[in-house]
């Protein structure tokens, strides 16, 4: 399985897993799903659940990679761990 199976994002989503950790670049749907399911460093709210659902559906080929990107970004924002360009509104 090559890059195609990972459902690569157009651009990475940067998250800050902890106060002392460097920002982590999440580059594809598989990496996002892994983080959401096994290593989510924050509270799991409704956006987290939506992001898990979106990522799994994208990996199954039922939704667009853009859906996973948007949902993951919203989950990171909800959890207060979104880093990088659009962190302050």
PDB file of N, CA and C in Angstrom:
ATOM      1  N   UNK A   1       0.855  -1.202   0.000  1.00  0.00           N
ATOM      2  CA  UNK A   1       0.000   0.000   0.000  1.00  0.00           C
ATOM      3  C   UNK A   1       0.889   1.249   0.000  1.00  0.00           C
ATOM      4  N   UNK A   2       0.723   2.078  -0.978  1.00  0.00           N
ATOM      5  CA  UNK A   2       1.545   3.281  -1.087  1.00  0.00           C
ATOM      6  C   UNK A   2       0.844   4.491  -0.519  1.00  0.00           C
ATOM      7  N   UNK A   3       1.244   5.664  -0.994  1.00  0.00           N
ATOM      8  CA  UNK A   3       0.695   6.922  -0.501  1.00  0.00           C
ATOM      9  C   UNK A   3      -0.814   7.028  -0.666  1.00  0.00           C
ATOM     10  N   UNK A   4      -1.337   6.432  -1.742  1.00  0.00           N
ATOM     11  CA  UNK A   4      -2.757   6.551  -2.030  1.00  0.00           C
ATOM     12  C   UNK A   4      -3.632   6.041  -0.912  1.00  0.00           C
ATOM     13  N   UNK A   5      -3.200   4.998  -0.216  1.00  0.00           N
ATOM     14  CA  UNK A   5      -4.014   4.409   0.834  1.00  0.00           C
ATOM     15  C   UNK A   5      -4.032   5.260   2.096  1.00  0.00           C
ATOM     16  N   UNK A   6      -3.102   6.191   2.204  1.00  0.00           N
ATOM     17  CA  UNK A   6      -3.032   7.047   3.389  1.00  0.00           C
ATOM     18  C   UNK A   6      -3.944   8.259   3.287  1.00  0.00           C
ATOM     19  N   UNK A   7      -4.442   8.543   2.079  1.00  0.00           N
ATOM     20  CA  UNK A   7      -5.315   9.698   1.851  1.00  0.00           C
ATOM     21  C   UNK A   7      -4.650  10.987   2.330  1.00  0.00           C
ATOM     22  N   UNK A   8      -3.619  11.378   1.623  1.00  0.00           N
ATOM     23  CA  UNK A   8      -2.791  12.531   1.967  1.00  0.00           C
ATOM     24  C   UNK A   8      -3.573  13.839   1.950  1.00  0.00           C
ATOM     25  N   UNK A   9      -3.337  14.685   2.961  1.00  0.00           N
ATOM     26  CA  UNK A   9      -3.944  16.019   3.007  1.00  0.00           C
ATOM     27  C   UNK A   9      -3.214  16.931   2.022  1.00  0.00           C
ATOM     28  N   UNK A  10      -3.925  17.954   1.516  1.00  0.00           N
ATOM     29  CA  UNK A  10      -3.284  18.931   0.625  1.00  0.00           C
ATOM     30  C   UNK A  10      -2.181  19.684   1.347  1.00  0.00           C
ATOM     31  N   UNK A  11      -2.421  19.986   2.617  1.00  0.00           N
ATOM     32  CA  UNK A  11      -1.383  20.597   3.452  1.00  0.00           C
ATOM     33  C   UNK A  11      -1.539  20.034   4.859  1.00  0.00           C
ATOM     34  N   UNK A  12      -0.465  19.989   5.620  1.00  0.00           N
ATOM     35  CA  UNK A  12      -0.558  19.382   6.952  1.00  0.00           C
ATOM     36  C   UNK A  12      -1.355  20.227   7.940  1.00  0.00           C
ATOM     37  N   UNK A  13      -1.885  19.567   8.949  1.00  0.00           N
ATOM     38  CA  UNK A  13      -2.507  20.239  10.098  1.00  0.00           C
ATOM     39  C   UNK A  13      -1.480  20.136  11.220  1.00  0.00           C
ATOM     40  N   UNK A  14      -1.137  21.251  11.832  1.00  0.00           N
ATOM     41  CA  UNK A  14      -0.162  21.240  12.923  1.00  0.00           C
ATOM     42  C   UNK A  14      -0.892  21.266  14.254  1.00  0.00           C
ATOM     43  N   UNK A  15      -0.513  20.330  15.133  1.00  0.00           N
ATOM     44  CA  UNK A  15      -1.090  20.320  16.476  1.00  0.00           C
ATOM     45  C   UNK A  15       0.031  20.371  17.499  1.00  0.00           C
ATOM     46  N   UNK A  16      -0.291  20.885  18.673  1.00  0.00           N
ATOM     47  CA  UNK A  16       0.642  20.909  19.799  1.00  0.00           C
ATOM     48  C   UNK A  16       0.151  19.910  20.834  1.00  0.00           C
ATOM     49  N   UNK A  17       0.735  18.708  20.851  1.00  0.00           N
ATOM     50  CA  UNK A  17       0.245  17.662  21.741  1.00  0.00           C
ATOM     51  C   UNK A  17       0.373  18.005  23.226  1.00  0.00           C
ATOM     52  N   UNK A  18       1.376  18.783  23.594  1.00  0.00           N
ATOM     53  CA  UNK A  18       1.546  19.151  24.996  1.00  0.00           C
ATOM     54  C   UNK A  18       2.306  20.449  25.091  1.00  0.00           C
ATOM     55  N   UNK A  19       2.316  21.060  26.282  1.00  0.00           N
ATOM     56  CA  UNK A  19       2.937  22.384  26.431  1.00  0.00           C
ATOM     57  C   UNK A  19       4.428  22.396  26.094  1.00  0.00           C
ATOM     58  N   UNK A  20       5.110  21.283  26.300  1.00  0.00           N
ATOM     59  CA  UNK A  20       6.551  21.277  26.034  1.00  0.00           C
ATOM     60  C   UNK A  20       6.893  20.581  24.718  1.00  0.00           C
ATOM     61  N   UNK A  21       5.894  19.993  24.073  1.00  0.00           N
ATOM     62  CA  UNK A  21       6.146  19.271  22.828  1.00  0.00           C
ATOM     63  C   UNK A  21       6.209  20.222  21.643  1.00  0.00           C
ATOM     64  N   UNK A  22       7.009  19.835  20.661  1.00  0.00           N
ATOM     65  CA  UNK A  22       7.039  20.580  19.415  1.00  0.00           C
ATOM     66  C   UNK A  22       5.761  20.304  18.648  1.00  0.00           C
ATOM     67  N   UNK A  23       5.366  21.232  17.793  1.00  0.00           N
ATOM     68  CA  UNK A  23       4.176  21.023  16.968  1.00  0.00           C
ATOM     69  C   UNK A  23       4.381  19.794  16.093  1.00  0.00           C
ATOM     70  N   UNK A  24       3.312  19.049  15.926  1.00  0.00           N
ATOM     71  CA  UNK A  24       3.333  17.830  15.141  1.00  0.00           C
ATOM     72  C   UNK A  24       2.564  18.071  13.854  1.00  0.00           C
ATOM     73  N   UNK A  25       3.161  17.710  12.713  1.00  0.00           N
ATOM     74  CA  UNK A  25       2.492  17.871  11.420  1.00  0.00           C
ATOM     75  C   UNK A  25       1.728  16.594  11.096  1.00  0.00           C
ATOM     76  N   UNK A  26       0.422  16.723  10.953  1.00  0.00           N
ATOM     77  CA  UNK A  26      -0.408  15.590  10.565  1.00  0.00           C
ATOM     78  C   UNK A  26      -0.661  15.731   9.066  1.00  0.00           C
ATOM     79  N   UNK A  27      -0.153  14.756   8.302  1.00  0.00           N
ATOM     80  CA  UNK A  27      -0.105  14.905   6.846  1.00  0.00           C
ATOM     81  C   UNK A  27      -1.112  14.074   6.070  1.00  0.00           C
ATOM     82  N   UNK A  28      -1.771  13.115   6.733  1.00  0.00           N
ATOM     83  CA  UNK A  28      -2.720  12.289   5.988  1.00  0.00           C
ATOM     84  C   UNK A  28      -3.810  11.737   6.902  1.00  0.00           C
ATOM     85  N   UNK A  29      -4.809  11.167   6.285  1.00  0.00           N
ATOM     86  CA  UNK A  29      -5.974  10.679   7.022  1.00  0.00           C
ATOM     87  C   UNK A  29      -5.615   9.544   7.962  1.00  0.00           C
ATOM     88  N   UNK A  30      -4.729   8.648   7.535  1.00  0.00           N
ATOM     89  CA  UNK A  30      -4.360   7.517   8.401  1.00  0.00           C
ATOM     90  C   UNK A  30      -3.690   8.007   9.683  1.00  0.00           C
ATOM     91  N   UNK A  31      -2.795   8.983   9.550  1.00  0.00           N
ATOM     92  CA  UNK A  31      -2.107   9.548  10.722  1.00  0.00           C
ATOM     93  C   UNK A  31      -3.113  10.253  11.635  1.00  0.00           C
ATOM     94  N   UNK A  32      -4.050  10.981  11.031  1.00  0.00           N
ATOM     95  CA  UNK A  32      -5.075  11.679  11.815  1.00  0.00           C
ATOM     96  C   UNK A  32      -5.934  10.669  12.581  1.00  0.00           C
ATOM     97  N   UNK A  33      -6.346   9.598  11.908  1.00  0.00           N
ATOM     98  CA  UNK A  33      -7.178   8.581  12.559  1.00  0.00           C
ATOM     99  C   UNK A  33      -6.425   7.926  13.712  1.00  0.00           C
ATOM    100  N   UNK A  34      -5.143   7.636  13.506  1.00  0.00           N
ATOM    101  CA  UNK A  34      -4.328   7.020  14.553  1.00  0.00           C
ATOM    102  C   UNK A  34      -4.263   7.930  15.782  1.00  0.00           C
ATOM    103  N   UNK A  35      -4.034   9.208  15.548  1.00  0.00           N
ATOM    104  CA  UNK A  35      -3.987  10.167  16.653  1.00  0.00           C
ATOM    105  C   UNK A  35      -5.329  10.245  17.375  1.00  0.00           C
ATOM    106  N   UNK A  36      -6.391  10.358  16.609  1.00  0.00           N
ATOM    107  CA  UNK A  36      -7.726  10.494  17.193  1.00  0.00           C
ATOM    108  C   UNK A  36      -8.109   9.272  18.026  1.00  0.00           C
ATOM    109  N   UNK A  37      -7.741   8.094  17.544  1.00  0.00           N
ATOM    110  CA  UNK A  37      -8.188   6.857  18.190  1.00  0.00           C
ATOM    111  C   UNK A  37      -7.282   6.406  19.330  1.00  0.00           C
ATOM    112  N   UNK A  38      -5.980   6.660  19.211  1.00  0.00           N
ATOM    113  CA  UNK A  38      -5.083   6.061  20.202  1.00  0.00           C
ATOM    114  C   UNK A  38      -4.231   7.045  20.988  1.00  0.00           C
ATOM    115  N   UNK A  39      -4.007   8.240  20.456  1.00  0.00           N
ATOM    116  CA  UNK A  39      -3.056   9.134  21.128  1.00  0.00           C
ATOM    117  C   UNK A  39      -3.569  10.560  21.238  1.00  0.00           C
ATOM    118  N   UNK A  40      -4.878  10.736  21.328  1.00  0.00           N
ATOM    119  CA  UNK A  40      -5.432  12.097  21.396  1.00  0.00           C
ATOM    120  C   UNK A  40      -5.033  12.724  22.725  1.00  0.00           C
ATOM    121  N   UNK A  41      -4.307  13.852  22.687  1.00  0.00           N
ATOM    122  CA  UNK A  41      -3.743  14.410  23.928  1.00  0.00           C
ATOM    123  C   UNK A  41      -4.683  15.320  24.694  1.00  0.00           C
ATOM    124  N   UNK A  42      -5.946  15.348  24.336  1.00  0.00           N
ATOM    125  CA  UNK A  42      -6.843  16.334  24.942  1.00  0.00           C
ATOM    126  C   UNK A  42      -8.221  15.722  25.178  1.00  0.00           C
ATOM    127  N   UNK A  43      -9.098  16.551  25.713  1.00  0.00           N
ATOM    128  CA  UNK A  43     -10.489  16.149  25.951  1.00  0.00           C
ATOM    129  C   UNK A  43     -11.144  15.757  24.623  1.00  0.00           C
ATOM    130  N   UNK A  44     -11.962  14.732  24.680  1.00  0.00           N
ATOM    131  CA  UNK A  44     -12.648  14.272  23.468  1.00  0.00           C
ATOM    132  C   UNK A  44     -14.071  14.803  23.459  1.00  0.00           C
ATOM    133  N   UNK A  45     -14.319  15.771  22.600  1.00  0.00           N
ATOM    134  CA  UNK A  45     -15.649  16.375  22.511  1.00  0.00           C
ATOM    135  C   UNK A  45     -16.374  15.914  21.259  1.00  0.00           C
ATOM    136  N   UNK A  46     -17.492  16.572  20.938  1.00  0.00           N
ATOM    137  CA  UNK A  46     -18.288  16.189  19.761  1.00  0.00           C
ATOM    138  C   UNK A  46     -17.508  16.277  18.454  1.00  0.00           C
ATOM    139  N   UNK A  47     -16.628  17.257  18.324  1.00  0.00           N
ATOM    140  CA  UNK A  47     -15.842  17.393  17.089  1.00  0.00           C
ATOM    141  C   UNK A  47     -14.849  16.234  16.944  1.00  0.00           C
ATOM    142  N   UNK A  48     -14.351  15.753  18.070  1.00  0.00           N
ATOM    143  CA  UNK A  48     -13.453  14.590  18.049  1.00  0.00           C
ATOM    144  C   UNK A  48     -14.199  13.387  17.467  1.00  0.00           C
ATOM    145  N   UNK A  49     -15.407  13.160  17.953  1.00  0.00           N
ATOM    146  CA  UNK A  49     -16.218  12.035  17.464  1.00  0.00           C
ATOM    147  C   UNK A  49     -16.494  12.194  15.966  1.00  0.00           C
ATOM    148  N   UNK A  50     -16.833  13.404  15.543  1.00  0.00           N
ATOM    149  CA  UNK A  50     -17.080  13.655  14.121  1.00  0.00           C
ATOM    150  C   UNK A  50     -15.833  13.384  13.289  1.00  0.00           C
ATOM    151  N   UNK A  51     -14.672  13.773  13.814  1.00  0.00           N
ATOM    152  CA  UNK A  51     -13.414  13.591  13.083  1.00  0.00           C
ATOM    153  C   UNK A  51     -13.061  12.105  12.945  1.00  0.00           C
ATOM    154  N   UNK A  52     -13.282  11.330  14.016  1.00  0.00           N
ATOM    155  CA  UNK A  52     -13.045   9.884  13.940  1.00  0.00           C
ATOM    156  C   UNK A  52     -13.919   9.298  12.835  1.00  0.00           C
ATOM    157  N   UNK A  53     -15.194   9.655  12.851  1.00  0.00           N
ATOM    158  CA  UNK A  53     -16.144   9.156  11.861  1.00  0.00           C
ATOM    159  C   UNK A  53     -15.707   9.535  10.443  1.00  0.00           C
ATOM    160  N   UNK A  54     -15.339  10.806  10.251  1.00  0.00           N
ATOM    161  CA  UNK A  54     -14.924  11.276   8.931  1.00  0.00           C
ATOM    162  C   UNK A  54     -13.675  10.541   8.451  1.00  0.00           C
ATOM    163  N   UNK A  55     -12.681  10.405   9.323  1.00  0.00           N
ATOM    164  CA  UNK A  55     -11.429   9.745   8.930  1.00  0.00           C
ATOM    165  C   UNK A  55     -11.672   8.292   8.535  1.00  0.00           C
ATOM    166  N   UNK A  56     -12.463   7.582   9.314  1.00  0.00           N
ATOM    167  CA  UNK A  56     -12.727   6.174   9.001  1.00  0.00           C
ATOM    168  C   UNK A  56     -13.486   6.034   7.688  1.00  0.00           C
ATOM    169  N   UNK A  57     -14.420   6.936   7.436  1.00  0.00           N
ATOM    170  CA  UNK A  57     -15.172   6.877   6.173  1.00  0.00           C
ATOM    171  C   UNK A  57     -14.273   7.217   4.982  1.00  0.00           C
ATOM    172  N   UNK A  58     -13.367   8.165   5.167  1.00  0.00           N
ATOM    173  CA  UNK A  58     -12.426   8.500   4.092  1.00  0.00           C
ATOM    174  C   UNK A  58     -11.524   7.307   3.799  1.00  0.00           C
ATOM    175  N   UNK A  59     -11.011   6.657   4.841  1.00  0.00           N
ATOM    176  CA  UNK A  59     -10.132   5.500   4.648  1.00  0.00           C
ATOM    177  C   UNK A  59     -10.870   4.349   3.969  1.00  0.00           C
ATOM    178  N   UNK A  60     -12.181   4.265   4.193  1.00  0.00           N
ATOM    179  CA  UNK A  60     -12.995   3.239   3.525  1.00  0.00           C
ATOM    180  C   UNK A  60     -13.403   3.643   2.113  1.00  0.00           C
ATOM    181  N   UNK A  61     -13.079   4.892   1.724  1.00  0.00           N
ATOM    182  CA  UNK A  61     -13.393   5.345   0.377  1.00  0.00           C
ATOM    183  C   UNK A  61     -14.781   5.935   0.223  1.00  0.00           C
ATOM    184  N   UNK A  62     -15.450   6.257   1.343  1.00  0.00           N
ATOM    185  CA  UNK A  62     -16.814   6.768   1.266  1.00  0.00           C
ATOM    186  C   UNK A  62     -16.903   8.292   1.307  1.00  0.00           C
ATOM    187  N   UNK A  63     -15.821   8.951   1.671  1.00  0.00           N
ATOM    188  CA  UNK A  63     -15.832  10.413   1.739  1.00  0.00           C
ATOM    189  C   UNK A  63     -14.529  10.964   1.192  1.00  0.00           C
ATOM    190  N   UNK A  64     -14.521  12.278   0.968  1.00  0.00           N
ATOM    191  CA  UNK A  64     -13.346  12.938   0.412  1.00  0.00           C
ATOM    192  C   UNK A  64     -12.311  13.232   1.503  1.00  0.00           C
ATOM    193  N   UNK A  65     -11.051  13.225   1.117  1.00  0.00           N
ATOM    194  CA  UNK A  65      -9.967  13.534   2.046  1.00  0.00           C
ATOM    195  C   UNK A  65     -10.160  14.918   2.675  1.00  0.00           C
ATOM    196  N   UNK A  66     -10.771  15.831   1.928  1.00  0.00           N
ATOM    197  CA  UNK A  66     -11.032  17.176   2.442  1.00  0.00           C
ATOM    198  C   UNK A  66     -11.927  17.102   3.685  1.00  0.00           C
ATOM    199  N   UNK A  67     -12.875  16.166   3.705  1.00  0.00           N
ATOM    200  CA  UNK A  67     -13.749  15.995   4.873  1.00  0.00           C
ATOM    201  C   UNK A  67     -12.934  15.619   6.109  1.00  0.00           C
ATOM    202  N   UNK A  68     -11.978  14.703   5.936  1.00  0.00           N
ATOM    203  CA  UNK A  68     -11.136  14.280   7.060  1.00  0.00           C
ATOM    204  C   UNK A  68     -10.269  15.447   7.535  1.00  0.00           C
ATOM    205  N   UNK A  69      -9.708  16.189   6.580  1.00  0.00           N
ATOM    206  CA  UNK A  69      -8.855  17.345   6.907  1.00  0.00           C
ATOM    207  C   UNK A  69      -9.647  18.354   7.741  1.00  0.00           C
ATOM    208  N   UNK A  70     -10.821  18.735   7.243  1.00  0.00           N
ATOM    209  CA  UNK A  70     -11.637  19.742   7.928  1.00  0.00           C
ATOM    210  C   UNK A  70     -12.063  19.259   9.313  1.00  0.00           C
ATOM    211  N   UNK A  71     -12.505  18.006   9.395  1.00  0.00           N
ATOM    212  CA  UNK A  71     -12.990  17.468  10.670  1.00  0.00           C
ATOM    213  C   UNK A  71     -11.853  17.360  11.683  1.00  0.00           C
ATOM    214  N   UNK A  72     -10.673  16.927  11.226  1.00  0.00           N
ATOM    215  CA  UNK A  72      -9.533  16.801  12.134  1.00  0.00           C
ATOM    216  C   UNK A  72      -9.116  18.176  12.655  1.00  0.00           C
ATOM    217  N   UNK A  73      -9.095  19.147  11.753  1.00  0.00           N
ATOM    218  CA  UNK A  73      -8.729  20.514  12.131  1.00  0.00           C
ATOM    219  C   UNK A  73      -9.699  21.078  13.168  1.00  0.00           C
ATOM    220  N   UNK A  74     -10.998  20.832  12.964  1.00  0.00           N
ATOM    221  CA  UNK A  74     -12.007  21.311  13.911  1.00  0.00           C
ATOM    222  C   UNK A  74     -11.862  20.617  15.263  1.00  0.00           C
ATOM    223  N   UNK A  75     -11.536  19.330  15.250  1.00  0.00           N
ATOM    224  CA  UNK A  75     -11.340  18.599  16.511  1.00  0.00           C
ATOM    225  C   UNK A  75     -10.142  19.162  17.268  1.00  0.00           C
ATOM    226  N   UNK A  76      -9.070  19.470  16.547  1.00  0.00           N
ATOM    227  CA  UNK A  76      -7.874  20.036  17.182  1.00  0.00           C
ATOM    228  C   UNK A  76      -8.173  21.420  17.744  1.00  0.00           C
ATOM    229  N   UNK A  77      -8.962  22.197  17.004  1.00  0.00           N
ATOM    230  CA  UNK A  77      -9.342  23.533  17.470  1.00  0.00           C
ATOM    231  C   UNK A  77     -10.204  23.428  18.726  1.00  0.00           C
ATOM    232  N   UNK A  78     -11.184  22.520  18.701  1.00  0.00           N
ATOM    233  CA  UNK A  78     -12.062  22.308  19.855  1.00  0.00           C
ATOM    234  C   UNK A  78     -11.252  21.923  21.093  1.00  0.00           C
ATOM    235  N   UNK A  79     -10.221  21.103  20.887  1.00  0.00           N
ATOM    236  CA  UNK A  79      -9.400  20.610  22.004  1.00  0.00           C
ATOM    237  C   UNK A  79      -8.339  21.614  22.447  1.00  0.00           C
ATOM    238  N   UNK A  80      -8.183  22.702  21.682  1.00  0.00           N
ATOM    239  CA  UNK A  80      -7.192  23.720  22.046  1.00  0.00           C
ATOM    240  C   UNK A  80      -5.763  23.314  21.721  1.00  0.00           C
ATOM    241  N   UNK A  81      -5.594  22.383  20.766  1.00  0.00           N
ATOM    242  CA  UNK A  81      -4.243  21.928  20.426  1.00  0.00           C
ATOM    243  C   UNK A  81      -3.852  22.271  18.989  1.00  0.00           C
ATOM    244  N   UNK A  82      -4.679  23.040  18.300  1.00  0.00           N
ATOM    245  CA  UNK A  82      -4.343  23.441  16.935  1.00  0.00           C
ATOM    246  C   UNK A  82      -3.184  24.435  16.991  1.00  0.00           C
ATOM    247  N   UNK A  83      -2.154  24.160  16.228  1.00  0.00           N
ATOM    248  CA  UNK A  83      -0.976  25.045  16.204  1.00  0.00           C
ATOM    249  C   UNK A  83      -0.830  25.637  14.820  1.00  0.00           C
ATOM    250  N   UNK A  84      -0.006  26.670  14.711  1.00  0.00           N
ATOM    251  CA  UNK A  84       0.301  27.175  13.380  1.00  0.00           C
ATOM    252  C   UNK A  84      -0.575  28.325  12.957  1.00  0.00           C
ATOM    253  N   UNK A  85      -0.906  28.334  11.665  1.00  0.00           N
ATOM    254  CA  UNK A  85      -1.383  29.540  11.011  1.00  0.00           C
ATOM    255  C   UNK A  85      -2.684  30.110  11.506  1.00  0.00           C
ATOM    256  N   UNK A  86      -3.700  29.299  11.806  1.00  0.00           N
ATOM    257  CA  UNK A  86      -5.011  29.870  12.151  1.00  0.00           C
ATOM    258  C   UNK A  86      -5.440  29.560  13.571  1.00  0.00           C
ATOM    259  N   UNK A  87      -4.573  29.782  14.530  1.00  0.00           N
ATOM    260  CA  UNK A  87      -4.921  29.400  15.889  1.00  0.00           C
ATOM    261  C   UNK A  87      -5.685  30.488  16.631  1.00  0.00           C
ATOM    262  N   UNK A  88      -5.544  31.735  16.212  1.00  0.00           N
ATOM    263  CA  UNK A  88      -6.257  32.796  16.925  1.00  0.00           C
ATOM    264  C   UNK A  88      -7.337  33.376  16.024  1.00  0.00           C
ATOM    265  N   UNK A  89      -8.562  33.400  16.541  1.00  0.00           N
ATOM    266  CA  UNK A  89      -9.633  33.962  15.718  1.00  0.00           C
ATOM    267  C   UNK A  89     -10.013  35.315  16.229  1.00  0.00           C
TER     268      UNK A  89
END
